[in-house]
Every structure is written in C-alpha cells, then in structure tokens.
Amino acid sequence: MSVKIYRVEGKILLRSGTWQKFVIDVPALKPEHALERVFSSITGLHKIKRAHVRVKSIKVISPEETKNPLIMHIMEMKT
C-alpha cells in the first residue's frame, strides 16, 4: 500500500459556542486513518469532544495541492 494525502474538511464547535471551519491535509493509508488523525489532533489541541467535530468531506489530493509544508518536504525527499 502506498501513502496518500487526504484533505479533510469540516467544522468544529468551539467553547465559545461558535462553529469554526477547518481544512487539514494528512498523509494516511486509508480514509479512516486520516479521519482518526484529524480527530486526535483537533480534540487534543482545542480540548473538545469528538461529538463537536463535524466532517464535511474526505478526499484524496495530489502532493502538489497540499499547503502543509511538512508534507511538501516529505514528498520532495521521496523523489
């Protein structure tokens, strides 16, 4: 299996009661792994429950489309 880059889009309910949109690019083998990684990072960072995270879409993107500098650097090293 090869690692793909997934773009996860959605929104989170902040402690202030407002909804905040997010777009996160993560490398993963499966969409389920990408989703778990997003849940883990958002809930840990904002100290919220998973029930307060709403995922709108998960899609595979090419390495050139990502805005994450770490992923860009890793993909440059592979080539």
PDB file of N, CA and C in Angstrom:
ATOM      1  N   MET A   1       0.841  -1.188   0.000  1.00  0.00           N
ATOM      2  CA  MET A   1       0.000   0.000   0.000  1.00  0.00           C
ATOM      3  C   MET A   1       0.882   1.246   0.000  1.00  0.00           C
ATOM      4  N   SER A   2       0.396   2.256  -0.650  1.00  0.00           N
ATOM      5  CA  SER A   2       1.152   3.495  -0.675  1.00  0.00           C
ATOM      6  C   SER A   2       0.418   4.573   0.124  1.00  0.00           C
ATOM      7  N   VAL A   3       1.184   5.484   0.636  1.00  0.00           N
ATOM      8  CA  VAL A   3       0.617   6.573   1.428  1.00  0.00           C
ATOM      9  C   VAL A   3       0.010   7.605   0.485  1.00  0.00           C
ATOM     10  N   LYS A   4      -1.210   8.004   0.793  1.00  0.00           N
ATOM     11  CA  LYS A   4      -1.902   9.031   0.025  1.00  0.00           C
ATOM     12  C   LYS A   4      -2.088  10.245   0.910  1.00  0.00           C
ATOM     13  N   ILE A   5      -2.344  11.375   0.290  1.00  0.00           N
ATOM     14  CA  ILE A   5      -2.603  12.589   1.049  1.00  0.00           C
ATOM     15  C   ILE A   5      -4.093  12.871   0.979  1.00  0.00           C
ATOM     16  N   TYR A   6      -4.706  12.973   2.141  1.00  0.00           N
ATOM     17  CA  TYR A   6      -6.139  13.225   2.233  1.00  0.00           C
ATOM     18  C   TYR A   6      -6.381  14.648   2.721  1.00  0.00           C
ATOM     19  N   ARG A   7      -7.376  15.292   2.136  1.00  0.00           N
ATOM     20  CA  ARG A   7      -7.817  16.614   2.598  1.00  0.00           C
ATOM     21  C   ARG A   7      -9.140  16.407   3.320  1.00  0.00           C
ATOM     22  N   VAL A   8      -9.145  16.752   4.610  1.00  0.00           N
ATOM     23  CA  VAL A   8     -10.333  16.607   5.447  1.00  0.00           C
ATOM     24  C   VAL A   8     -10.886  18.005   5.706  1.00  0.00           C
ATOM     25  N   GLU A   9     -12.158  18.197   5.366  1.00  0.00           N
ATOM     26  CA  GLU A   9     -12.821  19.491   5.565  1.00  0.00           C
ATOM     27  C   GLU A   9     -13.995  19.300   6.507  1.00  0.00           C
ATOM     28  N   GLY A  10     -14.238  20.301   7.330  1.00  0.00           N
ATOM     29  CA  GLY A  10     -15.365  20.228   8.249  1.00  0.00           C
ATOM     30  C   GLY A  10     -15.436  21.454   9.120  1.00  0.00           C
ATOM     31  N   LYS A  11     -16.080  21.293  10.286  1.00  0.00           N
ATOM     32  CA  LYS A  11     -16.191  22.400  11.226  1.00  0.00           C
ATOM     33  C   LYS A  11     -16.204  21.848  12.641  1.00  0.00           C
ATOM     34  N   ILE A  12     -15.793  22.696  13.585  1.00  0.00           N
ATOM     35  CA  ILE A  12     -15.769  22.310  14.987  1.00  0.00           C
ATOM     36  C   ILE A  12     -16.550  23.329  15.800  1.00  0.00           C
ATOM     37  N   LEU A  13     -17.173  22.853  16.863  1.00  0.00           N
ATOM     38  CA  LEU A  13     -17.891  23.721  17.786  1.00  0.00           C
ATOM     39  C   LEU A  13     -16.929  24.123  18.888  1.00  0.00           C
ATOM     40  N   LEU A  14     -16.568  25.395  18.916  1.00  0.00           N
ATOM     41  CA  LEU A  14     -15.622  25.890  19.906  1.00  0.00           C
ATOM     42  C   LEU A  14     -16.316  26.097  21.254  1.00  0.00           C
ATOM     43  N   ARG A  15     -15.532  26.290  22.294  1.00  0.00           N
ATOM     44  CA  ARG A  15     -16.080  26.515  23.632  1.00  0.00           C
ATOM     45  C   ARG A  15     -16.947  27.765  23.692  1.00  0.00           C
ATOM     46  N   SER A  16     -16.663  28.729  22.826  1.00  0.00           N
ATOM     47  CA  SER A  16     -17.437  29.973  22.815  1.00  0.00           C
ATOM     48  C   SER A  16     -18.825  29.776  22.205  1.00  0.00           C
ATOM     49  N   GLY A  17     -19.081  28.593  21.619  1.00  0.00           N
ATOM     50  CA  GLY A  17     -20.379  28.306  21.028  1.00  0.00           C
ATOM     51  C   GLY A  17     -20.459  28.605  19.539  1.00  0.00           C
ATOM     52  N   THR A  18     -19.352  29.023  18.931  1.00  0.00           N
ATOM     53  CA  THR A  18     -19.338  29.320  17.505  1.00  0.00           C
ATOM     54  C   THR A  18     -18.729  28.150  16.738  1.00  0.00           C
ATOM     55  N   TRP A  19     -19.158  28.002  15.484  1.00  0.00           N
ATOM     56  CA  TRP A  19     -18.618  26.967  14.616  1.00  0.00           C
ATOM     57  C   TRP A  19     -17.453  27.533  13.819  1.00  0.00           C
ATOM     58  N   GLN A  20     -16.347  26.801  13.780  1.00  0.00           N
ATOM     59  CA  GLN A  20     -15.134  27.206  13.069  1.00  0.00           C
ATOM     60  C   GLN A  20     -14.857  26.190  11.967  1.00  0.00           C
ATOM     61  N   LYS A  21     -14.696  26.646  10.726  1.00  0.00           N
ATOM     62  CA  LYS A  21     -14.369  25.750   9.627  1.00  0.00           C
ATOM     63  C   LYS A  21     -12.894  25.362   9.693  1.00  0.00           C
ATOM     64  N   PHE A  22     -12.578  24.167   9.175  1.00  0.00           N
ATOM     65  CA  PHE A  22     -11.189  23.738   9.104  1.00  0.00           C
ATOM     66  C   PHE A  22     -10.947  22.937   7.841  1.00  0.00           C
ATOM     67  N   VAL A  23      -9.707  22.979   7.367  1.00  0.00           N
ATOM     68  CA  VAL A  23      -9.234  22.155   6.253  1.00  0.00           C
ATOM     69  C   VAL A  23      -7.848  21.657   6.656  1.00  0.00           C
ATOM     70  N   ILE A  24      -7.703  20.334   6.740  1.00  0.00           N
ATOM     71  CA  ILE A  24      -6.437  19.741   7.173  1.00  0.00           C
ATOM     72  C   ILE A  24      -6.006  18.690   6.152  1.00  0.00           C
ATOM     73  N   ASP A  25      -4.750  18.746   5.751  1.00  0.00           N
ATOM     74  CA  ASP A  25      -4.165  17.744   4.857  1.00  0.00           C
ATOM     75  C   ASP A  25      -3.321  16.789   5.704  1.00  0.00           C
ATOM     76  N   VAL A  26      -3.604  15.489   5.575  1.00  0.00           N
ATOM     77  CA  VAL A  26      -2.858  14.493   6.347  1.00  0.00           C
ATOM     78  C   VAL A  26      -2.456  13.325   5.454  1.00  0.00           C
ATOM     79  N   PRO A  27      -1.250  12.787   5.639  1.00  0.00           N
ATOM     80  CA  PRO A  27      -0.872  11.571   4.924  1.00  0.00           C
ATOM     81  C   PRO A  27      -1.416  10.354   5.674  1.00  0.00           C
ATOM     82  N   ALA A  28      -1.983   9.392   4.937  1.00  0.00           N
ATOM     83  CA  ALA A  28      -2.530   8.183   5.557  1.00  0.00           C
ATOM     84  C   ALA A  28      -2.674   7.096   4.501  1.00  0.00           C
ATOM     85  N   LEU A  29      -2.833   5.872   4.971  1.00  0.00           N
ATOM     86  CA  LEU A  29      -3.044   4.748   4.069  1.00  0.00           C
ATOM     87  C   LEU A  29      -4.503   4.632   3.644  1.00  0.00           C
ATOM     88  N   LYS A  30      -5.417   4.910   4.572  1.00  0.00           N
ATOM     89  CA  LYS A  30      -6.854   4.795   4.322  1.00  0.00           C
ATOM     90  C   LYS A  30      -7.559   6.061   4.800  1.00  0.00           C
ATOM     91  N   PRO A  31      -8.753   6.328   4.284  1.00  0.00           N
ATOM     92  CA  PRO A  31      -9.511   7.494   4.766  1.00  0.00           C
ATOM     93  C   PRO A  31      -9.825   7.409   6.260  1.00  0.00           C
ATOM     94  N   GLU A  32     -10.032   6.186   6.752  1.00  0.00           N
ATOM     95  CA  GLU A  32     -10.318   6.021   8.183  1.00  0.00           C
ATOM     96  C   GLU A  32      -9.135   6.458   9.041  1.00  0.00           C
ATOM     97  N   HIS A  33      -7.930   6.178   8.574  1.00  0.00           N
ATOM     98  CA  HIS A  33      -6.739   6.591   9.313  1.00  0.00           C
ATOM     99  C   HIS A  33      -6.606   8.112   9.307  1.00  0.00           C
ATOM    100  N   ALA A  34      -6.894   8.723   8.184  1.00  0.00           N
ATOM    101  CA  ALA A  34      -6.831  10.188   8.089  1.00  0.00           C
ATOM    102  C   ALA A  34      -7.837  10.821   9.028  1.00  0.00           C
ATOM    103  N   LEU A  35      -9.044  10.271   9.060  1.00  0.00           N
ATOM    104  CA  LEU A  35     -10.088  10.802   9.930  1.00  0.00           C
ATOM    105  C   LEU A  35      -9.702  10.687  11.400  1.00  0.00           C
ATOM    106  N   GLU A  36      -9.146   9.555  11.778  1.00  0.00           N
ATOM    107  CA  GLU A  36      -8.717   9.351  13.161  1.00  0.00           C
ATOM    108  C   GLU A  36      -7.615  10.337  13.551  1.00  0.00           C
ATOM    109  N   ARG A  37      -6.711  10.590  12.624  1.00  0.00           N
ATOM    110  CA  ARG A  37      -5.624  11.536  12.904  1.00  0.00           C
ATOM    111  C   ARG A  37      -6.145  12.958  13.080  1.00  0.00           C
ATOM    112  N   VAL A  38      -7.126  13.327  12.267  1.00  0.00           N
ATOM    113  CA  VAL A  38      -7.728  14.657  12.385  1.00  0.00           C
ATOM    114  C   VAL A  38      -8.472  14.789  13.711  1.00  0.00           C
ATOM    115  N   PHE A  39      -9.267  13.778  14.055  1.00  0.00           N
ATOM    116  CA  PHE A  39      -9.976  13.811  15.335  1.00  0.00           C
ATOM    117  C   PHE A  39      -8.988  13.948  16.488  1.00  0.00           C
ATOM    118  N   SER A  40      -7.930  13.190  16.447  1.00  0.00           N
ATOM    119  CA  SER A  40      -6.938  13.205  17.514  1.00  0.00           C
ATOM    120  C   SER A  40      -6.279  14.573  17.657  1.00  0.00           C
ATOM    121  N   SER A  41      -5.874  15.165  16.548  1.00  0.00           N
ATOM    122  CA  SER A  41      -5.177  16.447  16.635  1.00  0.00           C
ATOM    123  C   SER A  41      -6.113  17.598  17.028  1.00  0.00           C
ATOM    124  N   ILE A  42      -7.325  17.618  16.485  1.00  0.00           N
ATOM    125  CA  ILE A  42      -8.249  18.716  16.795  1.00  0.00           C
ATOM    126  C   ILE A  42      -8.746  18.634  18.233  1.00  0.00           C
ATOM    127  N   THR A  43      -9.149  17.431  18.665  1.00  0.00           N
ATOM    128  CA  THR A  43      -9.680  17.320  20.025  1.00  0.00           C
ATOM    129  C   THR A  43      -8.592  17.564  21.070  1.00  0.00           C
ATOM    130  N   GLY A  44      -7.384  17.189  20.773  1.00  0.00           N
ATOM    131  CA  GLY A  44      -6.293  17.451  21.711  1.00  0.00           C
ATOM    132  C   GLY A  44      -5.896  18.910  21.745  1.00  0.00           C
ATOM    133  N   LEU A  45      -5.906  19.546  20.602  1.00  0.00           N
ATOM    134  CA  LEU A  45      -5.492  20.946  20.515  1.00  0.00           C
ATOM    135  C   LEU A  45      -6.519  21.893  21.133  1.00  0.00           C
ATOM    136  N   HIS A  46      -7.795  21.660  20.844  1.00  0.00           N
ATOM    137  CA  HIS A  46      -8.849  22.569  21.299  1.00  0.00           C
ATOM    138  C   HIS A  46      -9.559  22.096  22.557  1.00  0.00           C
ATOM    139  N   LYS A  47      -9.198  20.922  23.070  1.00  0.00           N
ATOM    140  CA  LYS A  47      -9.806  20.356  24.281  1.00  0.00           C
ATOM    141  C   LYS A  47     -11.321  20.259  24.153  1.00  0.00           C
ATOM    142  N   ILE A  48     -11.765  19.662  23.050  1.00  0.00           N
ATOM    143  CA  ILE A  48     -13.188  19.457  22.827  1.00  0.00           C
ATOM    144  C   ILE A  48     -13.448  17.976  22.606  1.00  0.00           C
ATOM    145  N   LYS A  49     -14.720  17.595  22.644  1.00  0.00           N
ATOM    146  CA  LYS A  49     -15.086  16.196  22.415  1.00  0.00           C
ATOM    147  C   LYS A  49     -15.250  15.933  20.928  1.00  0.00           C
ATOM    148  N   ARG A  50     -15.107  14.666  20.555  1.00  0.00           N
ATOM    149  CA  ARG A  50     -15.250  14.281  19.150  1.00  0.00           C
ATOM    150  C   ARG A  50     -16.641  14.580  18.613  1.00  0.00           C
ATOM    151  N   ALA A  51     -17.627  14.592  19.477  1.00  0.00           N
ATOM    152  CA  ALA A  51     -19.001  14.883  19.057  1.00  0.00           C
ATOM    153  C   ALA A  51     -19.151  16.325  18.564  1.00  0.00           C
ATOM    154  N   HIS A  52     -18.193  17.179  18.896  1.00  0.00           N
ATOM    155  CA  HIS A  52     -18.231  18.579  18.477  1.00  0.00           C
ATOM    156  C   HIS A  52     -17.483  18.821  17.169  1.00  0.00           C
ATOM    157  N   VAL A  53     -17.038  17.745  16.533  1.00  0.00           N
ATOM    158  CA  VAL A  53     -16.346  17.843  15.248  1.00  0.00           C
ATOM    159  C   VAL A  53     -17.259  17.271  14.165  1.00  0.00           C
ATOM    160  N   ARG A  54     -17.539  18.068  13.154  1.00  0.00           N
ATOM    161  CA  ARG A  54     -18.370  17.627  12.025  1.00  0.00           C
ATOM    162  C   ARG A  54     -17.505  17.600  10.775  1.00  0.00           C
ATOM    163  N   VAL A  55     -17.354  16.424  10.185  1.00  0.00           N
ATOM    164  CA  VAL A  55     -16.547  16.273   8.978  1.00  0.00           C
ATOM    165  C   VAL A  55     -17.465  16.381   7.770  1.00  0.00           C
ATOM    166  N   LYS A  56     -17.105  17.292   6.864  1.00  0.00           N
ATOM    167  CA  LYS A  56     -17.898  17.508   5.650  1.00  0.00           C
ATOM    168  C   LYS A  56     -17.444  16.593   4.517  1.00  0.00           C
ATOM    169  N   SER A  57     -16.122  16.485   4.314  1.00  0.00           N
ATOM    170  CA  SER A  57     -15.621  15.650   3.224  1.00  0.00           C
ATOM    171  C   SER A  57     -14.203  15.175   3.501  1.00  0.00           C
ATOM    172  N   ILE A  58     -13.896  14.026   2.900  1.00  0.00           N
ATOM    173  CA  ILE A  58     -12.539  13.473   2.912  1.00  0.00           C
ATOM    174  C   ILE A  58     -12.239  13.094   1.469  1.00  0.00           C
ATOM    175  N   LYS A  59     -11.165  13.670   0.906  1.00  0.00           N
ATOM    176  CA  LYS A  59     -10.826  13.334  -0.476  1.00  0.00           C
ATOM    177  C   LYS A  59      -9.316  13.237  -0.646  1.00  0.00           C
ATOM    178  N   VAL A  60      -8.921  12.436  -1.615  1.00  0.00           N
ATOM    179  CA  VAL A  60      -7.504  12.264  -1.928  1.00  0.00           C
ATOM    180  C   VAL A  60      -7.069  13.430  -2.805  1.00  0.00           C
ATOM    181  N   ILE A  61      -5.909  14.005  -2.475  1.00  0.00           N
ATOM    182  CA  ILE A  61      -5.355  15.102  -3.276  1.00  0.00           C
ATOM    183  C   ILE A  61      -3.945  14.737  -3.721  1.00  0.00           C
ATOM    184  N   SER A  62      -3.457  15.441  -4.705  1.00  0.00           N
ATOM    185  CA  SER A  62      -2.084  15.210  -5.159  1.00  0.00           C
ATOM    186  C   SER A  62      -1.120  15.964  -4.240  1.00  0.00           C
ATOM    187  N   PRO A  63       0.136  15.550  -4.182  1.00  0.00           N
ATOM    188  CA  PRO A  63       1.104  16.232  -3.322  1.00  0.00           C
ATOM    189  C   PRO A  63       1.286  17.705  -3.683  1.00  0.00           C
ATOM    190  N   GLU A  64       1.051  18.068  -4.933  1.00  0.00           N
ATOM    191  CA  GLU A  64       1.212  19.468  -5.348  1.00  0.00           C
ATOM    192  C   GLU A  64       0.105  20.360  -4.802  1.00  0.00           C
ATOM    193  N   GLU A  65      -1.029  19.795  -4.441  1.00  0.00           N
ATOM    194  CA  GLU A  65      -2.164  20.581  -3.958  1.00  0.00           C
ATOM    195  C   GLU A  65      -2.072  20.941  -2.480  1.00  0.00           C
ATOM    196  N   THR A  66      -1.254  20.231  -1.725  1.00  0.00           N
ATOM    197  CA  THR A  66      -1.203  20.454  -0.287  1.00  0.00           C
ATOM    198  C   THR A  66      -0.546  21.788   0.062  1.00  0.00           C
ATOM    199  N   LYS A  67      -0.983  22.350   1.180  1.00  0.00           N
ATOM    200  CA  LYS A  67      -0.390  23.583   1.695  1.00  0.00           C
ATOM    201  C   LYS A  67       0.422  23.315   2.957  1.00  0.00           C
ATOM    202  N   ASN A  68       0.453  22.062   3.390  1.00  0.00           N
ATOM    203  CA  ASN A  68       1.182  21.677   4.582  1.00  0.00           C
ATOM    204  C   ASN A  68       2.673  21.569   4.240  1.00  0.00           C
ATOM    205  N   PRO A  69       3.524  22.413   4.845  1.00  0.00           N
ATOM    206  CA  PRO A  69       4.950  22.407   4.499  1.00  0.00           C
ATOM    207  C   PRO A  69       5.653  21.093   4.848  1.00  0.00           C
ATOM    208  N   LEU A  70       5.207  20.416   5.892  1.00  0.00           N
ATOM    209  CA  LEU A  70       5.825  19.147   6.273  1.00  0.00           C
ATOM    210  C   LEU A  70       5.569  18.078   5.210  1.00  0.00           C
ATOM    211  N   ILE A  71       4.344  18.005   4.715  1.00  0.00           N
ATOM    212  CA  ILE A  71       4.020  17.037   3.670  1.00  0.00           C
ATOM    213  C   ILE A  71       4.779  17.375   2.395  1.00  0.00           C
ATOM    214  N   MET A  72       4.866  18.653   2.071  1.00  0.00           N
ATOM    215  CA  MET A  72       5.600  19.077   0.870  1.00  0.00           C
ATOM    216  C   MET A  72       7.056  18.648   0.961  1.00  0.00           C
ATOM    217  N   HIS A  73       7.656  18.820   2.126  1.00  0.00           N
ATOM    218  CA  HIS A  73       9.059  18.458   2.325  1.00  0.00           C
ATOM    219  C   HIS A  73       9.253  16.945   2.213  1.00  0.00           C
ATOM    220  N   ILE A  74       8.349  16.173   2.795  1.00  0.00           N
ATOM    221  CA  ILE A  74       8.449  14.707   2.731  1.00  0.00           C
ATOM    222  C   ILE A  74       8.323  14.227   1.286  1.00  0.00           C
ATOM    223  N   MET A  75       7.399  14.800   0.552  1.00  0.00           N
ATOM    224  CA  MET A  75       7.201  14.372  -0.839  1.00  0.00           C
ATOM    225  C   MET A  75       8.406  14.751  -1.711  1.00  0.00           C
ATOM    226  N   GLU A  76       9.075  15.850  -1.402  1.00  0.00           N
ATOM    227  CA  GLU A  76      10.285  16.234  -2.139  1.00  0.00           C
ATOM    228  C   GLU A  76      11.396  15.230  -1.865  1.00  0.00           C
ATOM    229  N   MET A  77      11.489  14.736  -0.650  1.00  0.00           N
ATOM    230  CA  MET A  77      12.523  13.783  -0.281  1.00  0.00           C
ATOM    231  C   MET A  77      12.306  12.441  -0.971  1.00  0.00           C
ATOM    232  N   LYS A  78      11.053  12.071  -1.225  1.00  0.00           N
ATOM    233  CA  LYS A  78      10.752  10.796  -1.875  1.00  0.00           C
ATOM    234  C   LYS A  78      11.192  10.758  -3.334  1.00  0.00           C
ATOM    235  N   THR A  79      11.171  11.921  -3.993  1.00  0.00           N
ATOM    236  CA  THR A  79      11.511  11.945  -5.417  1.00  0.00           C
ATOM    237  C   THR A  79      12.983  12.068  -5.651  1.00  0.00           C
TER     238      THR A  79
END
